[in-house]
Amino acid sequence: MSKSFGKHLRDLRKTNSKYSQQEMADMLNISRSTYTYYETGKSEPGQEKLKTICDILNVDFNTLLGYSDEGLVATAASDDGVEENFGGLTPSEEQIILAYRSMNTEEKEYIGKQITKIVKG
């Protein structure tokens, strides 16, 4: 995430609610300065805070993260190299991706191997 996320968060707060930064911070159980850091791009909320922000602003992860209304479009190559397009991700798929992005390289490699084992059965 970045300053563009922060600006997007601020815009969503102002258009989807009448909450002040202090009110948002109170609902998130964080300090106002921490919330301000989210909006200025100096800090990033974790997965649980992102989910709570979505609930407060009544938006999905795609909207919060600034993807189009159609959602994040993912592509993946199948075994024969043909790319498949996937429509908007479900909220649980979004949560999985957010969790994956927060992992270190070793954890990502482990998860990748586990997924491969499950898929190949």
Foldseek 3Di string as FASTA:
>chain_A
DFLVLLCLLVVLCVPQHPDDLCRLCVQLVHHSVVSNCSNRGVDHDALVSLVSSCVVSVHASQSSRPHDPFADWDWDADPVRDIDIDTHDDRVVVSVVRVLVVDDPVVVVVVVVVVVVVVVD
